[in-house]
C-alpha cells in the first residue's frame, strides 16, 4: 500500500467519523426517531419510519457532505443516500 492510499483511506475515515458525530447530534437535537445501525467503510446505515425516509435521506446527505467539506475544505464530494425496505449488499 502506498502512502497516497493510506492518506486517502485515513481521510475517508476522518470524514465518516465526523459525519457520525454530526448525525448523532442532529438526531438528538431534533428528537428524531432515527437509529444509526452500522457503518461500513464510508457507508452509514440508519433506520427510520418509511414516512420520514425521504426527508431523512436529504438531511443525511447534507450532514455527510458537510463532514466531507469540513475535512477536505471543498464541496466536491457528494453523498448518495439510498432508501430501501430491506438490507442490501
Foldseek 3Di string as FASTA:
>chain_A
DDPVVVVVQVLQVQLQVQLVVQVVCVCVVVVFPKAFDDDDRNDTDMDHDPVCVVVVQVVSFVSSQVSNCVSVVDSPDGDDDDDDPDDDD
